[in-house]
N, C-alpha and C. Protein backbone atom coordinates (compact mmCIF):
# COMPACT_ATOMS: atom_id res chain seq x y z
N UNK A 1 -21.97 15.13 20.34
CA UNK A 1 -20.91 14.78 18.66
C UNK A 1 -19.78 16.12 18.39
N UNK A 2 -18.87 15.25 17.90
CA UNK A 2 -17.26 15.95 17.22
C UNK A 2 -18.22 15.89 15.56
N UNK A 3 -17.61 17.84 15.57
CA UNK A 3 -17.61 17.65 13.89
C UNK A 3 -16.30 17.63 13.34
N UNK A 4 -16.14 16.56 12.11
CA UNK A 4 -15.19 16.49 11.66
C UNK A 4 -15.09 17.30 10.21
N UNK A 5 -14.14 17.71 9.75
CA UNK A 5 -14.15 18.31 7.99
C UNK A 5 -13.84 17.34 7.41
N UNK A 6 -14.85 17.17 6.52
CA UNK A 6 -15.05 16.19 5.56
C UNK A 6 -15.54 16.74 4.07
N UNK A 7 -15.28 18.09 4.00
CA UNK A 7 -15.25 18.81 2.59
C UNK A 7 -14.06 18.21 1.28
N UNK A 8 -14.49 17.77 0.69
CA UNK A 8 -13.37 17.03 0.02
C UNK A 8 -12.03 18.16 -0.79
N UNK A 9 -12.90 19.67 -0.85
CA UNK A 9 -11.94 20.83 -1.22
C UNK A 9 -10.91 21.34 0.34
N UNK A 10 -11.43 20.86 1.22
CA UNK A 10 -10.46 21.58 2.32
C UNK A 10 -9.62 20.34 2.57
N UNK A 11 -9.82 19.11 2.45
CA UNK A 11 -8.95 17.79 2.78
C UNK A 11 -7.89 17.51 1.84
N UNK A 12 -8.60 17.91 0.61
CA UNK A 12 -7.30 17.89 -0.82
C UNK A 12 -6.50 19.18 -1.05
N UNK A 13 -6.74 19.86 -0.64
CA UNK A 13 -5.91 21.40 -0.86
C UNK A 13 -4.50 20.98 0.41
N UNK A 14 -4.85 20.14 1.46
CA UNK A 14 -4.04 20.19 2.64
C UNK A 14 -2.46 20.28 1.73
N UNK A 15 -1.62 20.10 2.56
CA UNK A 15 -0.26 19.59 1.77
C UNK A 15 0.12 18.58 3.34
N UNK A 16 -0.27 17.37 2.86
CA UNK A 16 0.14 16.47 4.10
C UNK A 16 1.33 16.07 3.99
N UNK A 17 1.79 15.41 4.84
CA UNK A 17 3.05 14.57 5.22
C UNK A 17 3.70 13.45 4.46
N UNK A 18 2.30 12.83 4.01
CA UNK A 18 2.49 11.62 3.34
C UNK A 18 2.31 11.85 1.79
N UNK A 19 1.99 13.10 1.29
CA UNK A 19 1.91 13.64 -0.12
C UNK A 19 3.35 13.48 -1.19
N UNK A 20 4.45 13.15 -0.49
CA UNK A 20 5.73 12.72 -1.58
C UNK A 20 5.76 11.84 -1.22
N UNK A 21 4.63 10.76 -0.70
CA UNK A 21 5.77 9.53 -0.51
C UNK A 21 4.93 8.14 -1.68
N UNK A 22 6.04 7.37 -2.15
CA UNK A 22 5.16 6.98 -3.66
C UNK A 22 5.30 5.90 -2.88
N UNK A 23 4.14 5.23 -4.23
CA UNK A 23 3.56 3.97 -3.72
C UNK A 23 4.14 2.84 -4.32
N UNK A 24 5.03 1.72 -3.55
CA UNK A 24 5.25 0.60 -4.02
C UNK A 24 4.35 -0.22 -4.39
N UNK A 25 4.89 -1.00 -5.54
CA UNK A 25 4.54 -2.12 -5.83
C UNK A 25 3.95 -3.89 -5.36
N UNK A 26 3.12 -3.61 -5.22
CA UNK A 26 2.79 -5.17 -4.31
C UNK A 26 2.40 -6.28 -5.33
N UNK A 27 3.14 -7.75 -5.43
CA UNK A 27 2.72 -8.42 -6.63
C UNK A 27 2.66 -9.96 -5.20
N UNK A 28 1.72 -10.51 -4.76
CA UNK A 28 1.26 -11.42 -4.04
C UNK A 28 1.94 -12.69 -4.73
N UNK A 29 2.60 -12.47 -5.72
CA UNK A 29 3.23 -13.77 -6.28
C UNK A 29 4.92 -13.80 -6.33
N UNK A 30 5.28 -12.90 -5.21
CA UNK A 30 6.48 -12.84 -5.24
C UNK A 30 6.62 -12.99 -3.78
N UNK A 31 5.51 -13.55 -2.79
CA UNK A 31 5.37 -13.38 -1.63
C UNK A 31 4.91 -15.06 -1.23
N UNK A 32 5.27 -15.37 0.24
CA UNK A 32 4.73 -16.98 0.20
C UNK A 32 3.20 -16.25 1.43
N UNK A 33 1.94 -16.70 1.21
CA UNK A 33 1.20 -16.11 2.33
C UNK A 33 0.84 -16.59 3.76
N UNK A 34 0.68 -16.66 4.26
CA UNK A 34 1.14 -17.24 6.12
C UNK A 34 -0.36 -17.30 6.50
N UNK A 35 -0.93 -16.28 6.57
CA UNK A 35 -2.77 -16.07 7.31
C UNK A 35 -2.99 -14.97 6.96
N UNK A 36 -4.50 -15.09 6.54
CA UNK A 36 -5.26 -13.94 6.98
C UNK A 36 -5.18 -13.44 8.19
N UNK A 37 -6.06 -12.26 8.71
CA UNK A 37 -6.76 -11.70 9.92
C UNK A 37 -7.12 -10.47 9.93
N UNK A 38 -7.93 -10.08 10.66
CA UNK A 38 -8.96 -9.11 10.95
C UNK A 38 -8.80 -8.42 11.75
N UNK A 39 -8.04 -6.90 11.48
CA UNK A 39 -6.91 -6.05 12.86
C UNK A 39 -7.35 -4.91 12.56
N UNK A 40 -6.33 -4.15 12.70
CA UNK A 40 -6.24 -2.84 12.83
C UNK A 40 -5.08 -2.11 11.56
N UNK A 41 -5.05 -1.11 11.57
CA UNK A 41 -3.75 -0.73 10.59
C UNK A 41 -3.44 0.51 10.16
N UNK A 42 -2.08 1.02 10.87
CA UNK A 42 -2.02 2.54 10.94
C UNK A 42 -1.93 2.83 9.32
N UNK A 43 -2.38 3.81 8.87
CA UNK A 43 -2.58 4.29 7.33
C UNK A 43 -1.02 4.86 7.18
N UNK A 44 -0.38 5.49 8.82
CA UNK A 44 1.30 5.95 8.02
C UNK A 44 1.97 4.80 7.48
N UNK A 45 1.95 3.18 8.11
CA UNK A 45 2.37 2.19 7.29
C UNK A 45 2.01 1.87 6.13
N UNK A 46 1.02 2.09 5.51
CA UNK A 46 0.87 1.58 4.00
C UNK A 46 1.82 2.44 2.95
N UNK A 47 2.50 1.56 2.38
CA UNK A 47 3.73 2.19 1.34
C UNK A 47 3.39 1.66 0.04
N UNK A 48 2.86 0.87 -0.45
CA UNK A 48 1.81 0.69 -1.75
C UNK A 48 0.49 -0.59 -2.12
N UNK A 49 0.53 -0.29 -3.01
CA UNK A 49 -0.66 -1.02 -3.98
C UNK A 49 -0.11 -2.63 -4.84
N UNK A 50 -1.66 -2.71 -5.21
CA UNK A 50 -1.74 -4.01 -6.31
C UNK A 50 -1.67 -2.98 -6.99
N UNK A 51 -2.33 -1.94 -7.08
CA UNK A 51 -3.31 -1.29 -8.28
C UNK A 51 -2.17 -0.72 -9.64
N UNK A 52 -2.21 -1.48 -10.56
CA UNK A 52 -1.16 -0.96 -11.83
C UNK A 52 -1.44 0.85 -11.32
N UNK A 53 -2.69 1.52 -11.62
CA UNK A 53 -3.00 2.63 -12.09
C UNK A 53 -2.27 3.51 -11.27
N UNK A 54 -1.87 2.98 -9.35
CA UNK A 54 -1.27 3.97 -8.48
C UNK A 54 0.27 3.78 -8.51
N UNK A 55 0.60 2.33 -9.04
CA UNK A 55 2.20 1.93 -8.50
C UNK A 55 3.03 3.35 -9.31
N UNK A 56 4.21 3.89 -8.27
CA UNK A 56 5.06 4.82 -8.71
C UNK A 56 4.39 5.95 -8.87
N UNK A 57 3.28 6.25 -8.20
CA UNK A 57 2.53 7.60 -8.08
C UNK A 57 3.07 8.21 -7.07
N UNK A 58 2.86 9.64 -6.16
CA UNK A 58 2.68 9.68 -4.73
C UNK A 58 1.47 9.89 -4.77
N UNK A 59 1.36 10.44 -3.48
CA UNK A 59 0.12 10.55 -3.17
C UNK A 59 -0.30 11.79 -3.22
N UNK A 60 -0.01 12.38 -3.04
CA UNK A 60 0.01 13.83 -3.11
C UNK A 60 -0.50 13.96 -4.78
N UNK A 61 0.07 13.51 -5.62
CA UNK A 61 0.00 13.97 -7.12
C UNK A 61 -1.70 13.35 -7.47
N UNK A 62 -1.31 12.25 -6.66
CA UNK A 62 -2.60 11.59 -7.19
C UNK A 62 -4.15 12.55 -6.38
N UNK A 63 -3.98 13.43 -5.49
CA UNK A 63 -5.40 13.71 -4.82
C UNK A 63 -5.16 14.91 -5.72
N UNK A 64 -4.04 16.02 -6.03
CA UNK A 64 -4.27 17.25 -6.38
C UNK A 64 -4.31 17.04 -8.12
N UNK A 65 -4.25 15.91 -8.59
CA UNK A 65 -5.01 16.06 -9.80
C UNK A 65 -5.85 15.14 -10.40
N UNK A 66 -6.51 14.97 -8.75
CA UNK A 66 -8.17 14.14 -9.07
C UNK A 66 -7.85 13.11 -9.94
N UNK A 67 -7.15 12.21 -9.76
CA UNK A 67 -7.15 10.80 -10.13
C UNK A 67 -7.15 9.65 -9.99
N UNK A 68 -8.27 10.01 -8.86
CA UNK A 68 -8.71 8.53 -7.96
C UNK A 68 -9.49 8.25 -8.86
N UNK A 69 -9.96 6.81 -9.43
CA UNK A 69 -11.05 6.50 -10.36
C UNK A 69 -12.23 6.62 -10.03
N UNK A 70 -12.60 6.43 -8.69
CA UNK A 70 -14.09 6.59 -8.62
C UNK A 70 -14.37 7.28 -7.17
N UNK A 71 -13.40 8.38 -6.87
CA UNK A 71 -13.89 8.77 -6.01
C UNK A 71 -14.80 9.33 -4.88
N UNK A 72 -16.16 10.02 -5.97
CA UNK A 72 -17.32 10.55 -5.76
C UNK A 72 -18.11 9.14 -4.65
N UNK A 73 -18.01 7.99 -4.73
CA UNK A 73 -18.58 7.30 -3.52
C UNK A 73 -18.54 7.40 -2.32
N UNK A 74 -16.41 7.08 -1.93
CA UNK A 74 -16.25 7.87 -0.86
C UNK A 74 -16.28 8.96 -0.07
N UNK A 75 -16.38 9.65 -0.95
CA UNK A 75 -16.37 11.20 -0.75
C UNK A 75 -17.61 11.29 0.24
N UNK A 76 -18.49 11.11 -0.62
CA UNK A 76 -20.14 10.94 -0.01
C UNK A 76 -20.45 9.73 0.78
N UNK A 77 -19.67 8.98 1.16
CA UNK A 77 -19.54 8.04 2.14
C UNK A 77 -18.95 8.81 3.46
N UNK A 78 -17.98 9.34 3.14
CA UNK A 78 -17.11 10.44 4.72
C UNK A 78 -17.91 11.45 4.47
N UNK A 79 -18.66 12.28 3.87
CA UNK A 79 -19.08 13.39 4.60
C UNK A 79 -20.92 12.71 5.22
N UNK A 80 -21.19 11.49 4.47
CA UNK A 80 -22.34 11.44 5.05
C UNK A 80 -22.32 10.46 6.76
N UNK A 81 -20.91 9.68 6.87
CA UNK A 81 -20.85 9.12 7.96
C UNK A 81 -19.34 9.26 8.00
N UNK A 82 -18.64 10.91 8.73
CA UNK A 82 -17.34 9.98 9.04
C UNK A 82 -16.82 9.04 10.34
N UNK A 83 -17.50 9.12 11.00
CA UNK A 83 -17.09 7.96 11.89
C UNK A 83 -17.07 6.15 11.90
N UNK A 84 -17.51 6.36 10.19
CA UNK A 84 -16.78 4.74 9.36
C UNK A 84 -15.10 5.01 9.58
N UNK A 85 -14.65 5.23 9.35
CA UNK A 85 -12.94 5.90 9.65
C UNK A 85 -12.86 5.59 11.43
N UNK A 86 -13.27 6.49 12.31
CA UNK A 86 -12.88 6.31 13.23
C UNK A 86 -13.67 4.80 14.20
N UNK A 87 -15.04 3.49 13.56
CA UNK A 87 -15.29 2.77 14.60
C UNK A 87 -15.18 1.59 14.61
N UNK A 88 -15.53 0.67 14.88
CA UNK A 88 -14.55 -0.39 15.62
C UNK A 88 -15.01 -1.59 14.21
N UNK A 89 -16.13 -0.98 13.31
CA UNK A 89 -17.32 -2.04 13.11
C UNK A 89 -16.36 -2.20 11.64
N UNK A 90 -16.73 -3.91 11.18
CA UNK A 90 -16.16 -4.72 10.09
C UNK A 90 -15.92 -3.52 8.68
N UNK A 91 -15.17 -3.07 7.85
CA UNK A 91 -14.70 -3.25 6.94
C UNK A 91 -14.62 -3.65 5.66
N UNK A 92 -15.47 -4.43 5.10
CA UNK A 92 -15.91 -4.70 4.29
C UNK A 92 -15.15 -3.97 2.70
N UNK A 93 -14.65 -5.72 1.80
CA UNK A 93 -13.56 -4.65 1.03
C UNK A 93 -12.83 -4.06 1.08
N UNK A 94 -11.57 -3.92 2.60
CA UNK A 94 -11.06 -3.00 2.50
C UNK A 94 -9.83 -3.97 2.85
N UNK A 95 -8.72 -3.99 1.96
CA UNK A 95 -7.71 -5.66 2.51
C UNK A 95 -6.42 -5.02 2.10
N UNK A 96 -5.53 -5.48 2.89
CA UNK A 96 -4.36 -4.99 2.76
C UNK A 96 -3.28 -6.29 3.04
N UNK A 97 -2.17 -6.17 2.24
CA UNK A 97 -1.22 -7.56 2.50
C UNK A 97 -0.11 -6.66 3.50
N UNK A 98 0.41 -7.17 4.32
CA UNK A 98 1.44 -7.10 5.41
C UNK A 98 2.94 -7.59 5.02
N UNK A 99 3.81 -7.48 4.64
CA UNK A 99 4.85 -7.85 4.78
C UNK A 99 6.16 -6.91 5.15
N UNK A 100 6.72 -7.76 6.57
CA UNK A 100 7.34 -7.06 7.32
C UNK A 100 6.99 -5.73 7.72
N UNK A 101 5.91 -5.54 8.59
CA UNK A 101 5.24 -4.63 9.24
C UNK A 101 5.17 -2.84 8.24
N UNK A 102 5.35 -3.83 6.90
CA UNK A 102 4.55 -2.49 5.86
C UNK A 102 3.50 -3.20 5.15
N UNK A 103 2.78 -2.20 5.48
CA UNK A 103 1.02 -2.72 4.56
C UNK A 103 0.92 -2.12 2.85
N UNK A 104 0.64 -2.92 2.31
CA UNK A 104 -0.10 -2.38 0.91
C UNK A 104 -1.09 -2.56 0.41
N UNK A 105 -2.45 -1.37 0.38
CA UNK A 105 -3.82 -1.83 -0.49
C UNK A 105 -3.49 -3.12 -1.48
N UNK A 106 -4.49 -4.29 -1.34
CA UNK A 106 -4.52 -5.20 -2.00
C UNK A 106 -5.88 -5.92 -2.51
N UNK A 107 -6.40 -5.39 -3.00
CA UNK A 107 -7.34 -5.81 -4.10
C UNK A 107 -8.72 -5.07 -3.28
N UNK A 108 -8.32 -4.37 -2.43
CA UNK A 108 -9.53 -2.89 -2.79
C UNK A 108 -9.32 -2.27 -1.69
N UNK A 109 -9.19 -1.11 -1.88
CA UNK A 109 -9.72 0.02 -0.70
C UNK A 109 -8.59 0.99 -0.84
N UNK A 110 -7.85 1.41 -2.00
CA UNK A 110 -7.35 2.67 -2.33
C UNK A 110 -8.03 4.19 -2.04
N UNK A 111 -8.80 4.01 -2.73
CA UNK A 111 -9.56 5.46 -2.30
C UNK A 111 -10.03 5.46 -0.74
N UNK A 112 -10.64 4.58 -0.16
CA UNK A 112 -10.31 4.74 1.69
C UNK A 112 -9.27 4.92 1.77
N UNK A 113 -8.30 3.92 1.70
CA UNK A 113 -6.90 4.19 2.11
C UNK A 113 -6.40 6.03 2.20
N UNK A 114 -6.51 6.46 0.92
CA UNK A 114 -6.11 8.19 0.59
C UNK A 114 -7.03 9.09 1.14
N UNK A 115 -8.09 8.91 1.01
CA UNK A 115 -9.09 9.77 1.49
C UNK A 115 -9.30 9.69 3.18
N UNK A 116 -9.44 8.45 3.93
CA UNK A 116 -9.42 8.09 5.02
C UNK A 116 -8.10 8.58 5.55
N UNK A 117 -6.66 8.93 5.22
CA UNK A 117 -5.58 9.14 5.75
C UNK A 117 -5.47 10.76 5.66
N UNK A 118 -6.13 10.91 4.72
CA UNK A 118 -6.53 12.58 4.31
C UNK A 118 -6.76 13.24 5.47
N UNK A 119 -8.17 12.46 5.56
CA UNK A 119 -9.43 13.03 6.54
C UNK A 119 -8.88 12.80 8.07
N UNK A 120 -8.88 12.02 8.46
CA UNK A 120 -8.15 11.91 9.97
C UNK A 120 -6.86 12.58 10.22
N UNK A 121 -5.93 12.82 9.17
CA UNK A 121 -4.50 13.66 9.58
C UNK A 121 -4.91 15.03 9.64
N UNK A 122 -6.09 15.56 8.52
CA UNK A 122 -6.11 17.03 8.35
C UNK A 122 -7.07 17.64 9.76
N UNK A 123 -7.70 16.11 10.49
CA UNK A 123 -8.68 16.15 11.83
C UNK A 123 -7.61 15.95 12.91
N UNK A 124 -6.22 16.07 12.89
CA UNK A 124 -5.91 15.61 13.72
C UNK A 124 -5.68 14.30 14.99
N UNK A 125 -6.04 13.27 13.67
CA UNK A 125 -6.82 12.68 14.08
C UNK A 125 -6.15 11.20 14.18
N UNK A 126 -6.26 10.13 15.46
CA UNK A 126 -4.90 9.05 15.24
C UNK A 126 -5.24 8.34 13.57
N UNK A 127 -4.29 7.71 12.75
CA UNK A 127 -4.64 7.42 11.50
C UNK A 127 -4.73 5.92 11.59
N UNK A 128 -5.39 5.10 12.55
CA UNK A 128 -5.21 3.70 12.75
C UNK A 128 -6.57 3.40 12.25
N UNK A 129 -6.65 2.66 11.54
CA UNK A 129 -8.37 1.88 11.19
C UNK A 129 -8.56 0.79 11.32
N UNK A 130 -9.57 0.33 12.03
CA UNK A 130 -9.34 -0.83 12.65
C UNK A 130 -11.08 -2.19 11.67
N UNK A 131 -10.41 -3.27 11.99
CA UNK A 131 -11.42 -4.37 11.42
C UNK A 131 -11.42 -3.97 10.14
N UNK A 132 -10.20 -4.29 9.45
CA UNK A 132 -10.29 -4.81 8.38
C UNK A 132 -9.35 -5.84 7.47
N UNK A 133 -9.15 -6.17 6.96
CA UNK A 133 -8.73 -7.71 6.37
C UNK A 133 -6.83 -7.68 5.89
N UNK A 134 -6.58 -8.28 6.64
CA UNK A 134 -5.22 -8.67 6.64
C UNK A 134 -4.64 -9.54 5.90
N UNK A 135 -3.59 -9.33 5.15
CA UNK A 135 -3.32 -11.14 4.38
C UNK A 135 -1.39 -10.72 5.12
N UNK A 136 -1.16 -11.25 5.70
CA UNK A 136 0.01 -11.23 5.99
C UNK A 136 1.12 -12.50 5.23
N UNK A 137 1.90 -11.75 4.95
CA UNK A 137 3.16 -12.64 3.64
C UNK A 137 4.57 -12.66 3.97
N UNK A 138 5.29 -13.57 4.49
CA UNK A 138 6.73 -13.56 4.15
C UNK A 138 7.58 -13.40 2.92
N UNK A 139 8.49 -12.85 2.50
CA UNK A 139 9.27 -12.74 1.12
C UNK A 139 9.67 -14.02 1.25
N UNK A 140 9.82 -14.07 -0.09
CA UNK A 140 10.18 -15.73 -0.18
C UNK A 140 11.60 -15.95 -0.57
N UNK A 141 12.94 -16.55 -0.46
CA UNK A 141 14.12 -16.03 -0.63
C UNK A 141 14.36 -17.38 -1.83
N UNK A 142 13.83 -16.99 -3.41
CA UNK A 142 14.04 -17.52 -4.64
C UNK A 142 15.26 -17.00 -5.51
N UNK A 143 16.09 -17.39 -5.95
CA UNK A 143 17.07 -17.04 -7.41
C UNK A 143 16.15 -15.62 -8.15
N UNK A 144 15.03 -16.83 -8.37
CA UNK A 144 13.88 -15.69 -9.48
C UNK A 144 14.00 -14.40 -8.31
N UNK A 145 13.47 -14.53 -7.21
CA UNK A 145 13.34 -13.13 -7.00
C UNK A 145 14.15 -11.79 -6.25
N UNK A 146 14.75 -12.75 -6.06
CA UNK A 146 16.40 -12.00 -6.25
C UNK A 146 16.64 -11.28 -7.37
N UNK A 147 16.51 -12.34 -8.44
CA UNK A 147 17.01 -11.74 -9.56
C UNK A 147 16.63 -10.39 -10.16
N UNK A 148 14.87 -10.49 -9.94
CA UNK A 148 13.99 -9.47 -10.34
C UNK A 148 14.41 -8.56 -9.79
N UNK A 149 14.55 -8.12 -8.22
CA UNK A 149 14.86 -7.66 -7.19
C UNK A 149 16.51 -7.16 -8.08
N UNK A 150 17.05 -7.19 -8.49
CA UNK A 150 18.40 -6.58 -9.19
C UNK A 150 18.03 -6.17 -10.67
N UNK A 151 17.47 -6.31 -11.36
CA UNK A 151 17.13 -6.06 -12.68
C UNK A 151 15.58 -5.37 -13.01
N UNK A 152 15.56 -4.39 -13.20
CA UNK A 152 14.12 -3.72 -14.00
C UNK A 152 13.69 -3.04 -14.67
N UNK A 153 13.06 -2.81 -15.62
CA UNK A 153 12.54 -2.79 -17.15
C UNK A 153 12.81 -1.17 -17.33
N UNK A 154 12.92 -0.31 -15.66
CA UNK A 154 12.66 1.19 -16.12
C UNK A 154 13.85 2.16 -15.75
N UNK A 155 15.36 1.08 -16.54
CA UNK A 155 16.78 1.61 -16.40
C UNK A 155 17.17 2.00 -15.18
N UNK A 156 16.80 2.01 -13.85
CA UNK A 156 16.51 2.83 -12.81
C UNK A 156 17.32 1.57 -11.98
N UNK A 157 17.11 0.44 -12.02
CA UNK A 157 18.08 -0.24 -11.48
C UNK A 157 19.29 -0.89 -12.20
N UNK A 158 20.02 -2.05 -11.55
CA UNK A 158 21.22 -2.89 -12.46
C UNK A 158 20.73 -3.49 -13.24
N UNK A 159 21.45 -3.43 -14.17
CA UNK A 159 21.15 -4.53 -15.17
C UNK A 159 22.65 -5.46 -15.74
N UNK A 160 22.75 -6.03 -14.53
CA UNK A 160 24.00 -7.28 -14.73
C UNK A 160 24.66 -7.71 -16.25
N UNK A 161 25.94 -8.02 -16.22
CA UNK A 161 25.73 -8.42 -17.45
C UNK A 161 25.69 -10.24 -17.71
N UNK A 162 25.50 -10.78 -17.83
CA UNK A 162 25.05 -12.41 -18.38
C UNK A 162 26.25 -13.42 -17.55
N UNK A 163 27.50 -12.58 -17.36
CA UNK A 163 28.80 -13.36 -15.81
C UNK A 163 28.21 -13.42 -14.67
N UNK A 164 27.68 -12.39 -14.94
CA UNK A 164 27.10 -11.83 -13.32
C UNK A 164 25.53 -13.00 -12.97
N UNK A 165 24.92 -13.35 -14.22
CA UNK A 165 23.83 -13.76 -13.51
C UNK A 165 24.20 -15.72 -13.59
N UNK A 166 25.37 -15.95 -14.47
CA UNK A 166 25.69 -17.51 -14.06
C UNK A 166 26.36 -17.05 -12.94
N UNK A 167 26.97 -16.74 -12.55
CA UNK A 167 28.05 -16.59 -11.39
C UNK A 167 27.18 -16.60 -9.92
N UNK A 168 25.76 -15.78 -9.70
CA UNK A 168 24.78 -15.69 -9.56
C UNK A 168 23.90 -17.24 -9.52
N UNK A 169 23.71 -17.38 -10.05
CA UNK A 169 22.73 -18.79 -10.02
C UNK A 169 23.98 -20.14 -9.69
N UNK A 170 25.12 -19.80 -10.16
CA UNK A 170 25.83 -21.00 -9.39
C UNK A 170 25.97 -20.67 -7.55
N UNK A 171 26.62 -19.77 -7.12
CA UNK A 171 25.91 -19.50 -6.01
C UNK A 171 25.03 -19.50 -5.20
N UNK A 172 23.34 -19.30 -5.92
CA UNK A 172 22.53 -19.98 -5.44
C UNK A 172 22.58 -21.59 -5.27
N UNK A 173 22.96 -22.18 -6.64
CA UNK A 173 23.20 -23.54 -6.34
C UNK A 173 23.59 -23.91 -5.02
N UNK A 174 25.04 -23.44 -5.33
CA UNK A 174 26.04 -23.89 -3.65
C UNK A 174 24.87 -23.73 -2.45
N UNK A 175 24.18 -22.85 -2.25
CA UNK A 175 23.56 -22.68 -1.10
C UNK A 175 22.54 -23.40 -1.24
N UNK A 176 21.69 -23.64 -2.14
CA UNK A 176 20.51 -24.45 -1.33
C UNK A 176 20.83 -25.86 -1.62
N UNK A 177 22.87 -26.29 -2.16
CA UNK A 177 22.48 -27.80 -1.27
C UNK A 177 23.16 -27.35 -0.66
N UNK A 178 24.10 -26.86 0.28
CA UNK A 178 24.45 -26.65 1.42
C UNK A 178 22.93 -27.34 2.40
N UNK A 179 22.16 -26.03 1.94
CA UNK A 179 21.19 -25.76 3.18
C UNK A 179 20.30 -27.58 3.31
């Protein structure tokens, strides 16, 4: 049996390719759910989470500062059974949302995603995990979702004038009438 590095100190001191990736927000209310499947996810394709404690944070920042909320259980399980991340066994409680081939941790699995990705990358293993729950969504093209994506509360987005909002609403109404 192959020996894997599972020590948290070793795993977390490495500078991973994903360390600078900022976790994007997933809000299932902005999407239309299509179906739920059980399948495989390449952890390299995970771009965000529904967990407000991690949205807008970098993976590396969470690792460096030890800011995983309850990592001890996952780290203990990794040390006891590294095959968990490699096996085809069903992974209970590990959920992803998929929108246009981009994955978000959705409802559970933030710690396992981060620890698993670090473990697999550190040991030069494929970053694909199997038999996790995947909820597939499509973007709903609604005036509200478009307007929400234009305006942000953090002053990094555009804050158009009321005249633009009215013009945009008229445009959406015309498109809706045509369709």
